[in-house]
Protein backbone atom coordinates (compact mmCIF):
# COMPACT_ATOMS: atom_id res chain seq x y z
CA UNK A 1 -13.99 -1.98 -2.73
CA UNK A 2 -15.59 -5.16 -1.53
CA UNK A 3 -18.12 -4.68 1.23
CA UNK A 4 -17.33 -8.03 2.80
CA UNK A 5 -14.23 -10.16 2.66
CA UNK A 6 -13.91 -13.92 2.91
CA UNK A 7 -11.47 -15.21 5.51
CA UNK A 8 -9.83 -18.57 6.14
CA UNK A 9 -8.49 -19.55 9.56
CA UNK A 10 -4.97 -20.87 9.98
CA UNK A 11 -6.42 -24.23 11.00
CA UNK A 12 -8.63 -24.46 7.91
CA UNK A 13 -5.82 -23.39 5.57
CA UNK A 14 -3.52 -26.01 7.11
CA UNK A 15 -6.23 -28.59 6.33
CA UNK A 16 -6.40 -27.41 2.71
CA UNK A 17 -2.63 -27.72 2.38
CA UNK A 18 -2.56 -31.18 3.96
CA UNK A 19 -5.37 -32.29 1.64
CA UNK A 20 -3.26 -30.98 -1.27
CA UNK A 21 -5.96 -28.63 -2.54
CA UNK A 22 -4.74 -26.35 -5.28
CA UNK A 23 -4.22 -23.19 -3.24
CA UNK A 24 -2.34 -20.14 -4.50
CA UNK A 25 -0.80 -18.40 -1.49
CA UNK A 26 -0.23 -14.75 -2.43
CA UNK A 27 2.23 -13.45 0.17
CA UNK A 28 2.45 -9.65 0.26
CA UNK A 29 4.94 -9.33 3.13
CA UNK A 30 7.91 -7.03 2.66
CA UNK A 31 11.07 -8.68 1.33
CA UNK A 32 12.85 -9.04 4.69
CA UNK A 33 9.74 -10.46 6.38
CA UNK A 34 9.16 -12.97 3.57
CA UNK A 35 12.82 -14.04 3.81
CA UNK A 36 12.44 -14.56 7.56
CA UNK A 37 9.18 -16.52 7.48
CA UNK A 38 6.53 -17.49 4.97
CA UNK A 39 4.24 -20.43 4.33
CA UNK A 40 5.94 -23.01 2.13
CA UNK A 41 4.95 -22.67 -1.51
CA UNK A 42 3.87 -19.03 -1.23
CA UNK A 43 4.17 -16.66 -4.18
CA UNK A 44 6.44 -13.81 -3.05
CA UNK A 45 5.15 -10.41 -4.19
CA UNK A 46 6.62 -7.96 -1.62
CA UNK A 47 3.55 -5.80 -2.34
CA UNK A 48 2.91 -4.61 1.22
CA UNK A 49 1.38 -2.10 2.01
CA UNK A 50 -0.33 -2.30 -1.42
CA UNK A 51 -1.00 1.43 -1.67
CA UNK A 52 0.88 2.45 -4.84
CA UNK A 53 0.44 1.35 -8.44
CA UNK A 54 3.95 -0.11 -8.35
CA UNK A 55 3.06 -2.22 -5.30
CA UNK A 56 -0.18 -3.40 -6.90
CA UNK A 57 1.68 -4.39 -10.08
CA UNK A 58 3.81 -6.85 -8.11
CA UNK A 59 0.59 -8.82 -7.56
CA UNK A 60 0.02 -9.29 -11.31
CA UNK A 61 1.77 -12.70 -11.46
CA UNK A 62 -0.90 -13.94 -9.02
CA UNK A 63 -3.65 -12.63 -11.30
CA UNK A 64 -2.20 -14.63 -14.18
CA UNK A 65 -1.81 -17.81 -12.13
CA UNK A 66 -5.14 -17.67 -10.23
CA UNK A 67 -7.11 -19.45 -12.97
CA UNK A 68 -5.12 -22.64 -12.29
CA UNK A 69 -6.08 -22.79 -8.59
CA UNK A 70 -9.29 -23.56 -6.74
CA UNK A 71 -8.51 -21.01 -4.02
CA UNK A 72 -6.42 -17.85 -3.76
CA UNK A 73 -5.35 -16.95 -0.23
CA UNK A 74 -3.88 -13.53 0.55
CA UNK A 75 -1.20 -13.74 3.24
CA UNK A 76 -0.06 -10.47 4.77
CA UNK A 77 1.71 -9.54 8.01
CA UNK A 78 -1.51 -9.36 10.06
CA UNK A 79 -4.40 -9.97 7.64
CA UNK A 80 -5.76 -6.42 7.74
CA UNK A 81 -5.51 -3.40 5.40
CA UNK A 82 -2.85 -4.68 3.01
CA UNK A 83 -4.71 -7.96 2.64
CA UNK A 84 -7.99 -6.16 1.91
CA UNK A 85 -6.32 -3.95 -0.71
CA UNK A 86 -4.80 -7.05 -2.33
CA UNK A 87 -8.17 -8.85 -2.29
CA UNK A 88 -9.80 -5.82 -3.92
CA UNK A 89 -7.05 -5.58 -6.55
CA UNK A 90 -7.28 -9.29 -7.43
CA UNK A 91 -11.05 -8.96 -7.74
CA UNK A 92 -10.72 -5.84 -9.93
CA UNK A 93 -8.32 -7.77 -12.18
CA UNK A 94 -10.90 -10.50 -12.78
CA UNK A 95 -10.09 -13.14 -10.18
CA UNK A 96 -13.48 -14.59 -9.16
CA UNK A 97 -14.39 -13.51 -5.64
CA UNK A 98 -15.56 -17.06 -4.92
CA UNK A 99 -11.87 -18.08 -5.01
CA UNK A 100 -10.56 -15.23 -2.85
CA UNK A 101 -9.83 -15.45 0.88
CA UNK A 102 -7.63 -13.68 3.41
CA UNK A 103 -5.65 -15.59 6.02
CA UNK A 104 -7.08 -14.50 9.38
CA UNK A 105 -4.33 -12.89 11.46
CA UNK A 106 -1.76 -13.15 8.65
CA UNK A 107 1.72 -14.56 9.21
CA UNK A 108 1.81 -13.00 12.67
CA UNK A 109 -0.75 -15.56 13.89
CA UNK A 110 0.27 -18.57 11.75
CA UNK A 111 1.08 -21.24 14.39
CA UNK A 112 2.19 -24.16 12.21
CA UNK A 113 6.01 -24.04 12.14
CA UNK A 114 6.19 -27.19 10.00
CA UNK A 115 4.63 -25.17 7.16
CA UNK A 116 7.02 -22.21 7.54
CA UNK A 117 10.07 -21.60 5.37
CA UNK A 118 12.69 -18.92 5.83
CA UNK A 119 15.70 -18.12 7.96
């Protein structure tokens, strides 16, 4: 496991999105939470809590797509354990750690409604 994790604040991520940086948003929320609210353009994985092999395998599409992006941001319900497990898995699968970040506070603390899709 990674000793330290890189984080991005909601404000900074919003800036990246507005600047149209190539950012892969890997959303690990459960299906019903993703349907209710997620950042526009997110890759839905439904991997949370990212503890089983089956849950980790749902992240594989992100591994394959990561090479085409300058940043890979893990979005989870609160930006804690599930996000760290996803970060570790992406790193283990060869995604350069320099690209990896976790959204601080996850969707729970994402304040920018104009960037939210869902019900």
